[in-house]
């Protein structure tokens, strides 16, 4: 809801008014470098000002602080302030946005023209627009400095006529107005070193301008440095690296906080390199390294800001991450189709399986194929080849039919896709472990980690705020999922022994996914032997599946079973794609009288107590006698496990706290003996 206001600075009881006393403590708090000189005709008077000019990105604790600041700044500049617009929430009437403008903004209404009061409005454009952001602080989003009238003490005094009542109110309130205005993201120097605030809110990043250094807005470089330094002081085991050019310009940045760093040890086996912001030319040149935790939730494993989509930048990022995790290589890396990424991964992770995200490929289908004749038919055939083929020969036949039947042999994107098919087509990836990040079924998506927090025009400074908010939300979700998994028992829906067995082991979310496979065993109506080779038997499992048009069709799935080795493998490869056995494999186990899922198919990474008992192997048994940083990292990882367990309940908390106190006393005993 928008409310038009014609509010002069004088009537406010809560604000430091344009005519009133601007407290010296406030002036001192936000004093910075001298502001640049402006033309007296259309901007600020020349000379040094106590108050720095408003700039996009300034933040305040409250609306009153922002209003107070702009009034005091206006007094120094020689103009008065009026509230042009305010926005309130419909239900709570809580203010969430406002525009403060010069009192000369606009023009007198027609019905007021003949009044005796002298016309002072000139349609002046000077203003600031601000609103509440996710951090609950008030941020300046738009600034116009230029005035179209004279400024200064003479003009200021000509409108400074205050009634006796107002003067007494100003006098009585002046002492009560002593409070500090806090600017959390204001007026940091830009990458070039000048202290001029940036008021340009238009125009995004231009990747081609500075290909070998971060292309930042004014103030971003110092903001990054200040932000990382603050985290290092407040976040134990925080890690960051900054890469500079020979000329001293910031080129690349990498950081990972303590919880994310611990997650690297637990969940660094499969990594998704989320370069959405880079490939789509976002304002913030962000790359996120993402994993999946024991609840199937995505977790952050590291963040980077890169100068560009080059092999050199990605190589630097991966080197930084490997330094952070002590050289622990991922089993699988999933990325967009990007030559620079492909080169960097081949160089830095030669033993890892590099795969392309099928969900990202599917998102580009409308863009790449939308202009073709028979697009709908081509897309349907493409989907069938990608998702419904179980054997390589079936995929090759379906792809060949699409190319020939629709006459797209020379289509460059389809040709390059086919050349890369061994990296993205599920039929070729059955021996690759994905931990659920494969998106190998229709409709599954691999969403950006900071989705809903970062859009194309999000400034870097705003992202730095949203980064912490996003992680707090993710950590809260994981904690709640831990509590739910440990303190509640899932409802059983069948009498199958497999369901009962894993209901006691898996986290709640992973069990739900496995439970669905158990329920779908009843759609498999036939299990027969196809071939016997010693201990190895190949079974054929028939399943009724829902096909196009809500019609049912029967599909055949071959399952290999080796009783002596307790091995079962289905042609759909659900275990490698998602980390648990499929309905077809369960049918074969059940057919052969097996009542429990073999232990090799119950992954520890999905268990409720995974983070309790699993200690990431990062050279923990090879203690360096002089490497204090290694000692710190290993002690921190161990302590973090106790901390996470200690938050389950009050009893857990008391035991964990007592354990820390006992450990500290024992360490002190060692210290006393050495003395």
Foldseek 3Di string as FASTA:
>chain_A
DKDFFFAWQLPDLLAQALPFDLDPVQLVQQADPFAQADDQQWFFHDDGFSAHDDFFFWKWLDPRLVRNNVSPVCSRRAFTKTWGMWDADPPPRHTFWTKIATNLADFDDPVCVPDPDDTRHDNFPFIWIWGQDPVRIIGTHAGDGTGNGGGDDVNNVVPPDDDPVSVVSSVVSVVVNDDYIDTPQDQAAFQVGDRHHDRDQDDAFDLVPQVQAARADGSPVVLVVVLLVVLPVVFPLKDKDWDADPVGGTFKIKIDGDVLLLVCLQWVQEWEWDQVCQVVVFRFRKIWIWTAFLLRHIGTNMMMGHSHLALVRVLVHLVRSCVSNLNDAHQEYEYAPGPSNVVSCCVNPVNHQYAYAPQVVLVCLCVQQVVAPPSVVLNVLVCCLQQVDLAPVSNVVSLVCSCPVRVCVPRVVSVVCVVRVCRQRLNNCLVAARQQRRLRHPPDHDDRLCPVQGDRSDHPSSSSVSVVVSNVVVVVVVLVQLLPQVPDQDDQDDPALALVVCSQWFGPNVSVVVSVQQVQLVQFDDWAWDDDDPQKTKIKIWGWDQDPPRDTDIDIKIWIAGVVVLDIAISSSCCRNNQADGSVRVNVCVVVVNRYRDPVSHDLSRTSCSLQPDDRPSVPVPDDPPPVVVVSSNVSSVLVSLVSQCVNDVVSVVVSVVVVVVVVVVVVVVVVVVD
